[in-house]
Amino acid sequence: MDEPLNIAGPLSVKLYASTSAKDTDWVVYLAALDESGTLVPLGRGMGMIRARFRNSLRQSELLEKGKVYEYSIDLWQTGRQIPTGWKLRLEISSAYAPTYSRNLNTGGHNEMDTAFVRAEQRIYHSTQHPSRLLLPLVDLRHFE
């Protein structure tokens, strides 16, 4: 970055994605990367959503193969200045076991079942499907 980046408030990702599975997970990791390559997590650092609970934690809804869905992934909040010369790193995956419980991608019982299916995942970024990182930026010059 050419100048420091001041982030203060809630962090989140709007993700447009499709899968070949009936259910899957989306895991997002956000960190700052210093000049030496050390990662500094931002906010909680990681957020996750189980696709079948994308609309409600009370009612699961399985996915249609290949259909694009919008997911909102909360990364909590932060108050941090990212110095000049640092970079932001955003990683997206569909599993992070054992930190989060496994997802067999079948739509079945993830803890009791043993059969799983391999999922083909796609992330979209276009005018129609604008996947994006939402950063609350603060211009500190207003406070000088």
C-alpha atoms as a PDB file:
ATOM      1  CA  MET A   1       0.000   0.000   0.000  1.00  0.00           C
ATOM      2  CA  ASP A   2       1.182   3.517  -0.777  1.00  0.00           C
ATOM      3  CA  GLU A   3      -0.161   4.972   2.471  1.00  0.00           C
ATOM      4  CA  PRO A   4      -1.440   3.527   5.761  1.00  0.00           C
ATOM      5  CA  LEU A   5      -4.892   1.971   5.655  1.00  0.00           C
ATOM      6  CA  ASN A   6      -7.083   2.603   8.704  1.00  0.00           C
ATOM      7  CA  ILE A   7      -9.757  -0.008   9.331  1.00  0.00           C
ATOM      8  CA  ALA A   8     -12.279   0.415  12.153  1.00  0.00           C
ATOM      9  CA  GLY A   9     -15.519  -1.507  12.519  1.00  0.00           C
ATOM     10  CA  PRO A  10     -17.142  -4.726  11.273  1.00  0.00           C
ATOM     11  CA  LEU A  11     -15.424  -6.829   8.608  1.00  0.00           C
ATOM     12  CA  SER A  12     -17.359  -9.088   6.272  1.00  0.00           C
ATOM     13  CA  VAL A  13     -17.332 -10.838   2.918  1.00  0.00           C
ATOM     14  CA  LYS A  14     -20.173 -11.083   0.399  1.00  0.00           C
ATOM     15  CA  LEU A  15     -19.491 -14.250  -1.507  1.00  0.00           C
ATOM     16  CA  TYR A  16     -21.258 -15.469  -4.635  1.00  0.00           C
ATOM     17  CA  ALA A  17     -20.537 -19.144  -5.140  1.00  0.00           C
ATOM     18  CA  SER A  18     -21.849 -22.401  -6.530  1.00  0.00           C
ATOM     19  CA  THR A  19     -21.089 -26.016  -5.742  1.00  0.00           C
ATOM     20  CA  SER A  20     -21.785 -29.456  -7.099  1.00  0.00           C
ATOM     21  CA  ALA A  21     -22.793 -30.624  -3.599  1.00  0.00           C
ATOM     22  CA  LYS A  22     -26.058 -30.498  -1.640  1.00  0.00           C
ATOM     23  CA  ASP A  23     -24.264 -28.722   1.212  1.00  0.00           C
ATOM     24  CA  THR A  24     -20.803 -27.273   1.763  1.00  0.00           C
ATOM     25  CA  ASP A  25     -18.917 -24.825   3.936  1.00  0.00           C
ATOM     26  CA  TRP A  26     -17.338 -21.502   3.042  1.00  0.00           C
ATOM     27  CA  VAL A  27     -14.434 -20.366   5.201  1.00  0.00           C
ATOM     28  CA  VAL A  28     -12.808 -16.940   4.849  1.00  0.00           C
ATOM     29  CA  TYR A  29      -9.481 -15.909   6.374  1.00  0.00           C
ATOM     30  CA  LEU A  30      -8.376 -12.250   6.354  1.00  0.00           C
ATOM     31  CA  ALA A  31      -4.941 -11.055   7.412  1.00  0.00           C
ATOM     32  CA  ALA A  32      -2.428  -8.301   6.867  1.00  0.00           C
ATOM     33  CA  LEU A  33       0.938  -9.394   5.513  1.00  0.00           C
ATOM     34  CA  ASP A  34       3.985  -7.434   6.693  1.00  0.00           C
ATOM     35  CA  GLU A  35       7.221  -6.962   4.733  1.00  0.00           C
ATOM     36  CA  SER A  36       8.784 -10.068   6.301  1.00  0.00           C
ATOM     37  CA  GLY A  37       5.835 -12.274   5.290  1.00  0.00           C
ATOM     38  CA  THR A  38       4.313 -12.535   8.760  1.00  0.00           C
ATOM     39  CA  LEU A  39       0.514 -12.782   8.754  1.00  0.00           C
ATOM     40  CA  VAL A  40      -1.434 -10.620  11.211  1.00  0.00           C
ATOM     41  CA  PRO A  41      -5.098 -11.735  11.434  1.00  0.00           C
ATOM     42  CA  LEU A  42      -7.674  -8.947  11.120  1.00  0.00           C
ATOM     43  CA  GLY A  43     -10.773  -9.057  13.299  1.00  0.00           C
ATOM     44  CA  ARG A  44     -11.245 -12.606  14.464  1.00  0.00           C
ATOM     45  CA  GLY A  45      -9.266 -13.504  11.361  1.00  0.00           C
ATOM     46  CA  MET A  46     -11.657 -16.158  10.204  1.00  0.00           C
ATOM     47  CA  GLY A  47     -15.337 -16.497   9.421  1.00  0.00           C
ATOM     48  CA  MET A  48     -17.398 -19.452   8.264  1.00  0.00           C
ATOM     49  CA  ILE A  49     -20.863 -20.305   7.020  1.00  0.00           C
ATOM     50  CA  ARG A  50     -22.440 -23.701   6.471  1.00  0.00           C
ATOM     51  CA  ALA A  51     -24.313 -23.320   3.178  1.00  0.00           C
ATOM     52  CA  ARG A  52     -27.475 -25.115   4.291  1.00  0.00           C
ATOM     53  CA  PHE A  53     -27.898 -22.510   7.057  1.00  0.00           C
ATOM     54  CA  ARG A  54     -27.252 -19.470   4.839  1.00  0.00           C
ATOM     55  CA  ASN A  55     -30.755 -18.060   5.408  1.00  0.00           C
ATOM     56  CA  SER A  56     -31.567 -19.340   8.897  1.00  0.00           C
ATOM     57  CA  LEU A  57     -29.911 -21.281  11.696  1.00  0.00           C
ATOM     58  CA  ARG A  58     -33.278 -22.846  12.532  1.00  0.00           C
ATOM     59  CA  GLN A  59     -34.190 -24.203   9.088  1.00  0.00           C
ATOM     60  CA  SER A  60     -31.696 -25.893   6.782  1.00  0.00           C
ATOM     61  CA  GLU A  61     -32.035 -25.506   3.007  1.00  0.00           C
ATOM     62  CA  LEU A  62     -30.007 -27.774   0.752  1.00  0.00           C
ATOM     63  CA  LEU A  63     -28.376 -26.435  -2.397  1.00  0.00           C
ATOM     64  CA  GLU A  64     -29.123 -26.981  -6.065  1.00  0.00           C
ATOM     65  CA  LYS A  65     -26.131 -28.220  -8.045  1.00  0.00           C
ATOM     66  CA  GLY A  66     -24.480 -25.374  -9.984  1.00  0.00           C
ATOM     67  CA  LYS A  67     -26.839 -22.646  -8.734  1.00  0.00           C
ATOM     68  CA  VAL A  68     -25.163 -19.415  -7.606  1.00  0.00           C
ATOM     69  CA  TYR A  69     -25.977 -18.372  -4.035  1.00  0.00           C
ATOM     70  CA  GLU A  70     -25.029 -15.275  -2.076  1.00  0.00           C
ATOM     71  CA  TYR A  71     -23.366 -15.795   1.303  1.00  0.00           C
ATOM     72  CA  SER A  72     -22.652 -13.191   3.985  1.00  0.00           C
ATOM     73  CA  ILE A  73     -19.653 -14.145   6.089  1.00  0.00           C
ATOM     74  CA  ASP A  74     -18.963 -12.213   9.283  1.00  0.00           C
ATOM     75  CA  LEU A  75     -15.321 -11.650  10.256  1.00  0.00           C
ATOM     76  CA  TRP A  76     -16.179  -9.714  13.433  1.00  0.00           C
ATOM     77  CA  GLN A  77     -14.715  -6.270  13.928  1.00  0.00           C
ATOM     78  CA  THR A  78     -11.338  -4.620  14.187  1.00  0.00           C
ATOM     79  CA  GLY A  79      -9.595  -1.329  14.756  1.00  0.00           C
ATOM     80  CA  ARG A  80      -6.227  -1.481  13.051  1.00  0.00           C
ATOM     81  CA  GLN A  81      -3.873   0.576  10.947  1.00  0.00           C
ATOM     82  CA  ILE A  82      -2.181  -1.328   8.127  1.00  0.00           C
ATOM     83  CA  PRO A  83       1.208   0.340   7.535  1.00  0.00           C
ATOM     84  CA  THR A  84       2.583   1.451   4.189  1.00  0.00           C
ATOM     85  CA  GLY A  85       4.212  -1.452   2.375  1.00  0.00           C
ATOM     86  CA  TRP A  86       1.990  -4.128   3.918  1.00  0.00           C
ATOM     87  CA  LYS A  87      -0.532  -6.175   1.927  1.00  0.00           C
ATOM     88  CA  LEU A  88      -3.937  -7.677   2.615  1.00  0.00           C
ATOM     89  CA  ARG A  89      -4.441 -11.402   2.161  1.00  0.00           C
ATOM     90  CA  LEU A  90      -7.869 -12.985   1.721  1.00  0.00           C
ATOM     91  CA  GLU A  91      -8.162 -16.778   1.566  1.00  0.00           C
ATOM     92  CA  ILE A  92     -11.362 -18.679   0.776  1.00  0.00           C
ATOM     93  CA  SER A  93     -11.755 -22.419   1.265  1.00  0.00           C
ATOM     94  CA  SER A  94     -14.580 -24.855   1.819  1.00  0.00           C
ATOM     95  CA  ALA A  95     -13.278 -26.673   4.884  1.00  0.00           C
ATOM     96  CA  TYR A  96     -11.320 -25.994   8.031  1.00  0.00           C
ATOM     97  CA  ALA A  97     -11.581 -29.174  10.100  1.00  0.00           C
ATOM     98  CA  PRO A  98     -11.067 -29.756  12.944  1.00  0.00           C
ATOM     99  CA  THR A  99     -11.526 -26.090  13.921  1.00  0.00           C
ATOM    100  CA  TYR A 100     -15.001 -26.279  12.411  1.00  0.00           C
ATOM    101  CA  SER A 101     -16.858 -29.592  12.268  1.00  0.00           C
ATOM    102  CA  ARG A 102     -16.551 -31.527   9.041  1.00  0.00           C
ATOM    103  CA  ASN A 103     -19.042 -31.221   6.199  1.00  0.00           C
ATOM    104  CA  LEU A 104     -19.569 -34.364   4.124  1.00  0.00           C
ATOM    105  CA  ASN A 105     -21.181 -32.296   1.318  1.00  0.00           C
ATOM    106  CA  THR A 106     -24.110 -34.751   1.206  1.00  0.00           C
ATOM    107  CA  GLY A 107     -26.743 -32.801   3.097  1.00  0.00           C
ATOM    108  CA  GLY A 108     -26.889 -35.661   5.579  1.00  0.00           C
ATOM    109  CA  HIS A 109     -25.790 -35.890   9.215  1.00  0.00           C
ATOM    110  CA  ASN A 110     -22.181 -34.662   9.230  1.00  0.00           C
ATOM    111  CA  GLU A 111     -21.305 -36.174  12.614  1.00  0.00           C
ATOM    112  CA  MET A 112     -22.975 -39.590  12.271  1.00  0.00           C
ATOM    113  CA  ASP A 113     -22.688 -40.446   8.554  1.00  0.00           C
ATOM    114  CA  THR A 114     -19.467 -41.779   7.052  1.00  0.00           C
ATOM    115  CA  ALA A 115     -19.938 -41.371   3.283  1.00  0.00           C
ATOM    116  CA  PHE A 116     -18.875 -38.090   1.738  1.00  0.00           C
ATOM    117  CA  VAL A 117     -18.831 -36.563  -1.730  1.00  0.00           C
ATOM    118  CA  ARG A 118     -16.202 -34.418  -3.350  1.00  0.00           C
ATOM    119  CA  ALA A 119     -17.499 -30.950  -4.214  1.00  0.00           C
ATOM    120  CA  GLU A 120     -16.553 -28.764  -7.149  1.00  0.00           C
ATOM    121  CA  GLN A 121     -16.601 -25.175  -5.873  1.00  0.00           C
ATOM    122  CA  ARG A 122     -16.817 -21.976  -7.896  1.00  0.00           C
ATOM    123  CA  ILE A 123     -16.491 -18.404  -6.678  1.00  0.00           C
ATOM    124  CA  TYR A 124     -17.936 -15.659  -8.877  1.00  0.00           C
ATOM    125  CA  HIS A 125     -16.789 -12.078  -9.282  1.00  0.00           C
ATOM    126  CA  SER A 126     -18.634 -10.074 -11.919  1.00  0.00           C
ATOM    127  CA  THR A 127     -21.159  -7.264 -12.248  1.00  0.00           C
ATOM    128  CA  GLN A 128     -23.953  -9.773 -11.754  1.00  0.00           C
ATOM    129  CA  HIS A 129     -22.193 -11.603  -8.887  1.00  0.00           C
ATOM    130  CA  PRO A 130     -20.012  -9.029  -7.091  1.00  0.00           C
ATOM    131  CA  SER A 131     -18.119 -11.071  -4.495  1.00  0.00           C
ATOM    132  CA  ARG A 132     -16.306  -8.605  -2.279  1.00  0.00           C
ATOM    133  CA  LEU A 133     -14.534  -7.851   0.967  1.00  0.00           C
ATOM    134  CA  LEU A 134     -16.249  -5.119   2.993  1.00  0.00           C
ATOM    135  CA  LEU A 135     -13.753  -3.001   4.933  1.00  0.00           C
ATOM    136  CA  PRO A 136     -14.838  -0.047   7.087  1.00  0.00           C
ATOM    137  CA  LEU A 137     -12.135   2.492   6.204  1.00  0.00           C
ATOM    138  CA  VAL A 138     -11.531   5.589   8.314  1.00  0.00           C
ATOM    139  CA  ASP A 139      -9.788   8.734   7.082  1.00  0.00           C
ATOM    140  CA  LEU A 140      -7.866   9.863  10.158  1.00  0.00           C
ATOM    141  CA  ARG A 141      -7.135  13.262   8.587  1.00  0.00           C
ATOM    142  CA  HIS A 142     -10.651  14.245   9.693  1.00  0.00           C
ATOM    143  CA  PHE A 143      -9.549  13.826  13.300  1.00  0.00           C
ATOM    144  CA  GLU A 144      -6.347  15.867  13.161  1.00  0.00           C
END
